[in-house]
């Protein structure tokens, strides 16, 4: 199973857990983002510098170590401030 197939399966599983109302809100918000033009500014592929960051347990995690096990997908969560 490819990374894309695994991600699609995770998305489908998540979508099944949502109520119809929450699913509609999520889909509207996603469509609003698409229409905003944000996808024109997304980095698609390429190489980024290696980095080391703490994980949720405070342990140092190196991007090179993670990437050596397969594709590395990064997301940035701004949080609720």
PDB file of N, CA and C in Angstrom:
ATOM      1  N   UNK A   1       0.853  -1.175   0.000  1.00  0.00           N
ATOM      2  CA  UNK A   1       0.000   0.000   0.000  1.00  0.00           C
ATOM      3  C   UNK A   1       0.899   1.239   0.000  1.00  0.00           C
ATOM      4  N   UNK A   2       0.627   2.163  -0.907  1.00  0.00           N
ATOM      5  CA  UNK A   2       1.430   3.383  -0.993  1.00  0.00           C
ATOM      6  C   UNK A   2       1.073   4.326   0.150  1.00  0.00           C
ATOM      7  N   UNK A   3       1.911   5.315   0.355  1.00  0.00           N
ATOM      8  CA  UNK A   3       1.645   6.325   1.375  1.00  0.00           C
ATOM      9  C   UNK A   3       0.322   7.027   1.092  1.00  0.00           C
ATOM     10  N   UNK A   4       0.078   7.368  -0.173  1.00  0.00           N
ATOM     11  CA  UNK A   4      -1.171   8.042  -0.530  1.00  0.00           C
ATOM     12  C   UNK A   4      -2.381   7.173  -0.219  1.00  0.00           C
ATOM     13  N   UNK A   5      -2.279   5.886  -0.519  1.00  0.00           N
ATOM     14  CA  UNK A   5      -3.378   4.970  -0.224  1.00  0.00           C
ATOM     15  C   UNK A   5      -3.630   4.876   1.282  1.00  0.00           C
ATOM     16  N   UNK A   6      -2.560   4.835   2.065  1.00  0.00           N
ATOM     17  CA  UNK A   6      -2.715   4.783   3.529  1.00  0.00           C
ATOM     18  C   UNK A   6      -3.350   6.059   4.050  1.00  0.00           C
ATOM     19  N   UNK A   7      -2.916   7.206   3.519  1.00  0.00           N
ATOM     20  CA  UNK A   7      -3.482   8.477   3.949  1.00  0.00           C
ATOM     21  C   UNK A   7      -4.960   8.571   3.572  1.00  0.00           C
ATOM     22  N   UNK A   8      -5.317   8.107   2.377  1.00  0.00           N
ATOM     23  CA  UNK A   8      -6.723   8.098   1.953  1.00  0.00           C
ATOM     24  C   UNK A   8      -7.561   7.216   2.868  1.00  0.00           C
ATOM     25  N   UNK A   9      -7.016   6.065   3.250  1.00  0.00           N
ATOM     26  CA  UNK A   9      -7.746   5.156   4.140  1.00  0.00           C
ATOM     27  C   UNK A   9      -7.952   5.799   5.511  1.00  0.00           C
ATOM     28  N   UNK A  10      -6.937   6.481   6.018  1.00  0.00           N
ATOM     29  CA  UNK A  10      -7.059   7.167   7.305  1.00  0.00           C
ATOM     30  C   UNK A  10      -8.123   8.257   7.230  1.00  0.00           C
ATOM     31  N   UNK A  11      -8.131   8.991   6.122  1.00  0.00           N
ATOM     32  CA  UNK A  11      -9.124  10.049   5.946  1.00  0.00           C
ATOM     33  C   UNK A  11     -10.536   9.468   5.923  1.00  0.00           C
ATOM     34  N   UNK A  12     -10.722   8.388   5.188  1.00  0.00           N
ATOM     35  CA  UNK A  12     -12.041   7.761   5.109  1.00  0.00           C
ATOM     36  C   UNK A  12     -12.499   7.268   6.485  1.00  0.00           C
ATOM     37  N   UNK A  13     -11.591   6.674   7.237  1.00  0.00           N
ATOM     38  CA  UNK A  13     -11.926   6.209   8.585  1.00  0.00           C
ATOM     39  C   UNK A  13     -12.319   7.378   9.466  1.00  0.00           C
ATOM     40  N   UNK A  14     -11.561   8.466   9.401  1.00  0.00           N
ATOM     41  CA  UNK A  14     -11.867   9.652  10.193  1.00  0.00           C
ATOM     42  C   UNK A  14     -13.221  10.229   9.806  1.00  0.00           C
ATOM     43  N   UNK A  15     -13.478  10.326   8.525  1.00  0.00           N
ATOM     44  CA  UNK A  15     -14.743  10.900   8.047  1.00  0.00           C
ATOM     45  C   UNK A  15     -15.950  10.111   8.570  1.00  0.00           C
ATOM     46  N   UNK A  16     -15.803   8.802   8.700  1.00  0.00           N
ATOM     47  CA  UNK A  16     -16.910   7.975   9.195  1.00  0.00           C
ATOM     48  C   UNK A  16     -17.211   8.246  10.665  1.00  0.00           C
ATOM     49  N   UNK A  17     -16.245   8.792  11.406  1.00  0.00           N
ATOM     50  CA  UNK A  17     -16.469   9.059  12.830  1.00  0.00           C
ATOM     51  C   UNK A  17     -17.195  10.375  13.060  1.00  0.00           C
ATOM     52  N   UNK A  18     -17.279  11.232  12.038  1.00  0.00           N
ATOM     53  CA  UNK A  18     -17.887  12.551  12.194  1.00  0.00           C
ATOM     54  C   UNK A  18     -19.393  12.513  11.966  1.00  0.00           C
ATOM     55  N   UNK A  19     -20.079  13.379  12.676  1.00  0.00           N
ATOM     56  CA  UNK A  19     -21.502  13.555  12.393  1.00  0.00           C
ATOM     57  C   UNK A  19     -21.629  14.254  11.042  1.00  0.00           C
ATOM     58  N   UNK A  20     -22.800  14.175  10.438  1.00  0.00           N
ATOM     59  CA  UNK A  20     -23.019  14.823   9.143  1.00  0.00           C
ATOM     60  C   UNK A  20     -22.762  16.321   9.241  1.00  0.00           C
ATOM     61  N   UNK A  21     -23.173  16.936  10.347  1.00  0.00           N
ATOM     62  CA  UNK A  21     -22.972  18.377  10.520  1.00  0.00           C
ATOM     63  C   UNK A  21     -21.491  18.724  10.564  1.00  0.00           C
ATOM     64  N   UNK A  22     -20.714  17.981  11.341  1.00  0.00           N
ATOM     65  CA  UNK A  22     -19.271  18.255  11.438  1.00  0.00           C
ATOM     66  C   UNK A  22     -18.564  17.967  10.122  1.00  0.00           C
ATOM     67  N   UNK A  23     -18.994  16.923   9.436  1.00  0.00           N
ATOM     68  CA  UNK A  23     -18.398  16.591   8.137  1.00  0.00           C
ATOM     69  C   UNK A  23     -18.663  17.722   7.137  1.00  0.00           C
ATOM     70  N   UNK A  24     -19.887  18.273   7.133  1.00  0.00           N
ATOM     71  CA  UNK A  24     -20.207  19.383   6.237  1.00  0.00           C
ATOM     72  C   UNK A  24     -19.370  20.619   6.553  1.00  0.00           C
ATOM     73  N   UNK A  25     -19.216  20.915   7.836  1.00  0.00           N
ATOM     74  CA  UNK A  25     -18.394  22.066   8.244  1.00  0.00           C
ATOM     75  C   UNK A  25     -16.961  21.870   7.772  1.00  0.00           C
ATOM     76  N   UNK A  26     -16.433  20.676   7.968  1.00  0.00           N
ATOM     77  CA  UNK A  26     -15.054  20.377   7.556  1.00  0.00           C
ATOM     78  C   UNK A  26     -14.898  20.536   6.043  1.00  0.00           C
ATOM     79  N   UNK A  27     -15.852  20.020   5.291  1.00  0.00           N
ATOM     80  CA  UNK A  27     -15.773  20.107   3.826  1.00  0.00           C
ATOM     81  C   UNK A  27     -15.887  21.564   3.355  1.00  0.00           C
ATOM     82  N   UNK A  28     -16.772  22.341   3.977  1.00  0.00           N
ATOM     83  CA  UNK A  28     -16.891  23.764   3.608  1.00  0.00           C
ATOM     84  C   UNK A  28     -15.594  24.516   3.915  1.00  0.00           C
ATOM     85  N   UNK A  29     -15.011  24.248   5.073  1.00  0.00           N
ATOM     86  CA  UNK A  29     -13.762  24.918   5.449  1.00  0.00           C
ATOM     87  C   UNK A  29     -12.634  24.547   4.481  1.00  0.00           C
ATOM     88  N   UNK A  30     -12.576  23.285   4.097  1.00  0.00           N
ATOM     89  CA  UNK A  30     -11.555  22.845   3.138  1.00  0.00           C
ATOM     90  C   UNK A  30     -11.751  23.527   1.792  1.00  0.00           C
ATOM     91  N   UNK A  31     -12.983  23.615   1.338  1.00  0.00           N
ATOM     92  CA  UNK A  31     -13.273  24.277   0.063  1.00  0.00           C
ATOM     93  C   UNK A  31     -12.946  25.763   0.143  1.00  0.00           C
ATOM     94  N   UNK A  32     -13.245  26.399   1.264  1.00  0.00           N
ATOM     95  CA  UNK A  32     -12.892  27.812   1.450  1.00  0.00           C
ATOM     96  C   UNK A  32     -11.379  28.009   1.333  1.00  0.00           C
ATOM     97  N   UNK A  33     -10.612  27.108   1.921  1.00  0.00           N
ATOM     98  CA  UNK A  33      -9.150  27.196   1.822  1.00  0.00           C
ATOM     99  C   UNK A  33      -8.689  27.043   0.382  1.00  0.00           C
ATOM    100  N   UNK A  34      -9.265  26.075  -0.329  1.00  0.00           N
ATOM    101  CA  UNK A  34      -8.892  25.891  -1.743  1.00  0.00           C
ATOM    102  C   UNK A  34      -9.160  27.159  -2.554  1.00  0.00           C
ATOM    103  N   UNK A  35     -10.346  27.753  -2.354  1.00  0.00           N
ATOM    104  CA  UNK A  35     -10.712  28.963  -3.098  1.00  0.00           C
ATOM    105  C   UNK A  35      -9.847  30.165  -2.712  1.00  0.00           C
ATOM    106  N   UNK A  36      -9.245  30.129  -1.542  1.00  0.00           N
ATOM    107  CA  UNK A  36      -8.423  31.257  -1.087  1.00  0.00           C
ATOM    108  C   UNK A  36      -7.127  31.396  -1.881  1.00  0.00           C
ATOM    109  N   UNK A  37      -6.744  30.341  -2.598  1.00  0.00           N
ATOM    110  CA  UNK A  37      -5.500  30.380  -3.355  1.00  0.00           C
ATOM    111  C   UNK A  37      -4.307  29.862  -2.572  1.00  0.00           C
ATOM    112  N   UNK A  38      -4.542  29.358  -1.375  1.00  0.00           N
ATOM    113  CA  UNK A  38      -3.443  28.891  -0.529  1.00  0.00           C
ATOM    114  C   UNK A  38      -2.661  27.751  -1.181  1.00  0.00           C
ATOM    115  N   UNK A  39      -3.333  26.938  -1.991  1.00  0.00           N
ATOM    116  CA  UNK A  39      -2.645  25.814  -2.624  1.00  0.00           C
ATOM    117  C   UNK A  39      -1.582  26.269  -3.618  1.00  0.00           C
ATOM    118  N   UNK A  40      -1.708  27.495  -4.107  1.00  0.00           N
ATOM    119  CA  UNK A  40      -0.698  28.028  -5.025  1.00  0.00           C
ATOM    120  C   UNK A  40       0.617  28.309  -4.306  1.00  0.00           C
ATOM    121  N   UNK A  41       0.576  28.376  -2.968  1.00  0.00           N
ATOM    122  CA  UNK A  41       1.777  28.698  -2.194  1.00  0.00           C
ATOM    123  C   UNK A  41       2.351  27.488  -1.448  1.00  0.00           C
ATOM    124  N   UNK A  42       1.778  26.317  -1.671  1.00  0.00           N
ATOM    125  CA  UNK A  42       2.220  25.107  -0.978  1.00  0.00           C
ATOM    126  C   UNK A  42       3.497  24.581  -1.612  1.00  0.00           C
ATOM    127  N   UNK A  43       4.438  24.174  -0.774  1.00  0.00           N
ATOM    128  CA  UNK A  43       5.662  23.539  -1.271  1.00  0.00           C
ATOM    129  C   UNK A  43       5.302  22.116  -1.664  1.00  0.00           C
ATOM    130  N   UNK A  44       5.554  21.784  -2.907  1.00  0.00           N
ATOM    131  CA  UNK A  44       5.201  20.456  -3.415  1.00  0.00           C
ATOM    132  C   UNK A  44       6.473  19.694  -3.730  1.00  0.00           C
ATOM    133  N   UNK A  45       6.843  18.813  -2.826  1.00  0.00           N
ATOM    134  CA  UNK A  45       8.046  18.024  -3.045  1.00  0.00           C
ATOM    135  C   UNK A  45       9.286  18.842  -2.786  1.00  0.00           C
ATOM    136  N   UNK A  46      10.392  18.349  -3.251  1.00  0.00           N
ATOM    137  CA  UNK A  46      11.634  19.064  -3.061  1.00  0.00           C
ATOM    138  C   UNK A  46      12.357  18.584  -1.811  1.00  0.00           C
ATOM    139  N   UNK A  47      13.421  19.275  -1.505  1.00  0.00           N
ATOM    140  CA  UNK A  47      14.266  18.914  -0.381  1.00  0.00           C
ATOM    141  C   UNK A  47      14.275  20.039   0.631  1.00  0.00           C
ATOM    142  N   UNK A  48      14.167  19.672   1.876  1.00  0.00           N
ATOM    143  CA  UNK A  48      14.264  20.660   2.941  1.00  0.00           C
ATOM    144  C   UNK A  48      15.514  20.346   3.762  1.00  0.00           C
ATOM    145  N   UNK A  49      16.028  21.311   4.481  1.00  0.00           N
ATOM    146  CA  UNK A  49      17.194  21.025   5.330  1.00  0.00           C
ATOM    147  C   UNK A  49      16.829  20.023   6.428  1.00  0.00           C
ATOM    148  N   UNK A  50      17.800  19.236   6.842  1.00  0.00           N
ATOM    149  CA  UNK A  50      17.569  18.314   7.946  1.00  0.00           C
ATOM    150  C   UNK A  50      17.330  19.124   9.218  1.00  0.00           C
ATOM    151  N   UNK A  51      16.552  18.550  10.139  1.00  0.00           N
ATOM    152  CA  UNK A  51      16.264  19.241  11.384  1.00  0.00           C
ATOM    153  C   UNK A  51      16.099  18.228  12.506  1.00  0.00           C
ATOM    154  N   UNK A  52      16.192  18.722  13.716  1.00  0.00           N
ATOM    155  CA  UNK A  52      15.952  17.921  14.915  1.00  0.00           C
ATOM    156  C   UNK A  52      14.987  18.701  15.795  1.00  0.00           C
ATOM    157  N   UNK A  53      13.916  18.027  16.225  1.00  0.00           N
ATOM    158  CA  UNK A  53      12.904  18.653  17.071  1.00  0.00           C
ATOM    159  C   UNK A  53      12.496  17.678  18.169  1.00  0.00           C
ATOM    160  N   UNK A  54      11.984  18.191  19.281  1.00  0.00           N
ATOM    161  CA  UNK A  54      11.484  17.280  20.311  1.00  0.00           C
ATOM    162  C   UNK A  54      10.114  16.733  19.917  1.00  0.00           C
ATOM    163  N   UNK A  55       9.877  15.462  20.252  1.00  0.00           N
ATOM    164  CA  UNK A  55       8.554  14.884  20.023  1.00  0.00           C
ATOM    165  C   UNK A  55       7.669  15.174  21.234  1.00  0.00           C
ATOM    166  N   UNK A  56       6.497  14.570  21.279  1.00  0.00           N
ATOM    167  CA  UNK A  56       5.535  14.834  22.352  1.00  0.00           C
ATOM    168  C   UNK A  56       6.065  14.408  23.719  1.00  0.00           C
ATOM    169  N   UNK A  57       7.048  13.517  23.744  1.00  0.00           N
ATOM    170  CA  UNK A  57       7.636  13.061  25.005  1.00  0.00           C
ATOM    171  C   UNK A  57       8.919  13.813  25.347  1.00  0.00           C
ATOM    172  N   UNK A  58       9.260  14.811  24.524  1.00  0.00           N
ATOM    173  CA  UNK A  58      10.465  15.593  24.774  1.00  0.00           C
ATOM    174  C   UNK A  58      11.740  14.962  24.245  1.00  0.00           C
ATOM    175  N   UNK A  59      11.627  13.842  23.547  1.00  0.00           N
ATOM    176  CA  UNK A  59      12.790  13.168  22.979  1.00  0.00           C
ATOM    177  C   UNK A  59      13.167  13.826  21.654  1.00  0.00           C
ATOM    178  N   UNK A  60      14.462  13.958  21.397  1.00  0.00           N
ATOM    179  CA  UNK A  60      14.934  14.544  20.141  1.00  0.00           C
ATOM    180  C   UNK A  60      14.672  13.575  18.989  1.00  0.00           C
ATOM    181  N   UNK A  61      14.097  14.104  17.922  1.00  0.00           N
ATOM    182  CA  UNK A  61      13.804  13.306  16.726  1.00  0.00           C
ATOM    183  C   UNK A  61      14.466  13.987  15.538  1.00  0.00           C
ATOM    184  N   UNK A  62      15.250  13.213  14.797  1.00  0.00           N
ATOM    185  CA  UNK A  62      15.945  13.748  13.620  1.00  0.00           C
ATOM    186  C   UNK A  62      15.148  13.425  12.366  1.00  0.00           C
ATOM    187  N   UNK A  63      14.996  14.425  11.513  1.00  0.00           N
ATOM    188  CA  UNK A  63      14.259  14.207  10.260  1.00  0.00           C
ATOM    189  C   UNK A  63      14.937  13.140   9.400  1.00  0.00           C
ATOM    190  N   UNK A  64      16.254  13.113   9.402  1.00  0.00           N
ATOM    191  CA  UNK A  64      16.976  12.132   8.579  1.00  0.00           C
ATOM    192  C   UNK A  64      16.663  10.713   9.032  1.00  0.00           C
ATOM    193  N   UNK A  65      16.548  10.509  10.355  1.00  0.00           N
ATOM    194  CA  UNK A  65      16.212   9.172  10.861  1.00  0.00           C
ATOM    195  C   UNK A  65      14.809   8.767  10.423  1.00  0.00           C
ATOM    196  N   UNK A  66      13.873   9.695  10.522  1.00  0.00           N
ATOM    197  CA  UNK A  66      12.501   9.391  10.123  1.00  0.00           C
ATOM    198  C   UNK A  66      12.407   9.139   8.624  1.00  0.00           C
ATOM    199  N   UNK A  67      13.093   9.955   7.847  1.00  0.00           N
ATOM    200  CA  UNK A  67      13.043   9.824   6.380  1.00  0.00           C
ATOM    201  C   UNK A  67      13.695   8.530   5.920  1.00  0.00           C
ATOM    202  N   UNK A  68      14.655   8.018   6.675  1.00  0.00           N
ATOM    203  CA  UNK A  68      15.331   6.776   6.282  1.00  0.00           C
ATOM    204  C   UNK A  68      14.380   5.576   6.331  1.00  0.00           C
ATOM    205  N   UNK A  69      13.258   5.715   7.066  1.00  0.00           N
ATOM    206  CA  UNK A  69      12.279   4.632   7.175  1.00  0.00           C
ATOM    207  C   UNK A  69      11.197   4.717   6.107  1.00  0.00           C
ATOM    208  N   UNK A  70      11.203   5.783   5.307  1.00  0.00           N
ATOM    209  CA  UNK A  70      10.190   5.937   4.262  1.00  0.00           C
ATOM    210  C   UNK A  70       9.845   7.397   4.082  1.00  0.00           C
ATOM    211  N   UNK A  71       8.813   7.689   3.292  1.00  0.00           N
ATOM    212  CA  UNK A  71       8.432   9.078   3.048  1.00  0.00           C
ATOM    213  C   UNK A  71       8.128   9.808   4.350  1.00  0.00           C
ATOM    214  N   UNK A  72       8.501  11.048   4.394  1.00  0.00           N
ATOM    215  CA  UNK A  72       8.284  11.879   5.574  1.00  0.00           C
ATOM    216  C   UNK A  72       7.237  12.935   5.229  1.00  0.00           C
ATOM    217  N   UNK A  73       6.134  12.907   5.945  1.00  0.00           N
ATOM    218  CA  UNK A  73       5.066  13.881   5.742  1.00  0.00           C
ATOM    219  C   UNK A  73       5.044  14.801   6.950  1.00  0.00           C
ATOM    220  N   UNK A  74       5.086  16.096   6.696  1.00  0.00           N
ATOM    221  CA  UNK A  74       5.088  17.064   7.788  1.00  0.00           C
ATOM    222  C   UNK A  74       3.825  17.904   7.724  1.00  0.00           C
ATOM    223  N   UNK A  75       3.275  18.160   8.875  1.00  0.00           N
ATOM    224  CA  UNK A  75       2.175  19.100   8.975  1.00  0.00           C
ATOM    225  C   UNK A  75       2.522  20.093  10.063  1.00  0.00           C
ATOM    226  N   UNK A  76       1.980  21.263   9.957  1.00  0.00           N
ATOM    227  CA  UNK A  76       2.226  22.301  10.938  1.00  0.00           C
ATOM    228  C   UNK A  76       0.894  22.686  11.557  1.00  0.00           C
ATOM    229  N   UNK A  77       0.801  22.511  12.854  1.00  0.00           N
ATOM    230  CA  UNK A  77      -0.416  22.838  13.568  1.00  0.00           C
ATOM    231  C   UNK A  77      -0.165  24.105  14.371  1.00  0.00           C
ATOM    232  N   UNK A  78      -0.877  25.138  14.026  1.00  0.00           N
ATOM    233  CA  UNK A  78      -0.689  26.426  14.675  1.00  0.00           C
ATOM    234  C   UNK A  78      -1.196  26.424  16.103  1.00  0.00           C
ATOM    235  N   UNK A  79      -2.179  25.637  16.375  1.00  0.00           N
ATOM    236  CA  UNK A  79      -2.735  25.598  17.718  1.00  0.00           C
ATOM    237  C   UNK A  79      -3.865  26.592  17.865  1.00  0.00           C
ATOM    238  N   UNK A  80      -4.383  26.667  19.047  1.00  0.00           N
ATOM    239  CA  UNK A  80      -5.469  27.591  19.336  1.00  0.00           C
ATOM    240  C   UNK A  80      -4.955  28.597  20.347  1.00  0.00           C
ATOM    241  N   UNK A  81      -4.715  29.822  19.861  1.00  0.00           N
ATOM    242  CA  UNK A  81      -4.156  30.855  20.749  1.00  0.00           C
ATOM    243  C   UNK A  81      -5.146  31.932  20.975  1.00  0.00           C
TER     244      UNK A  81
END
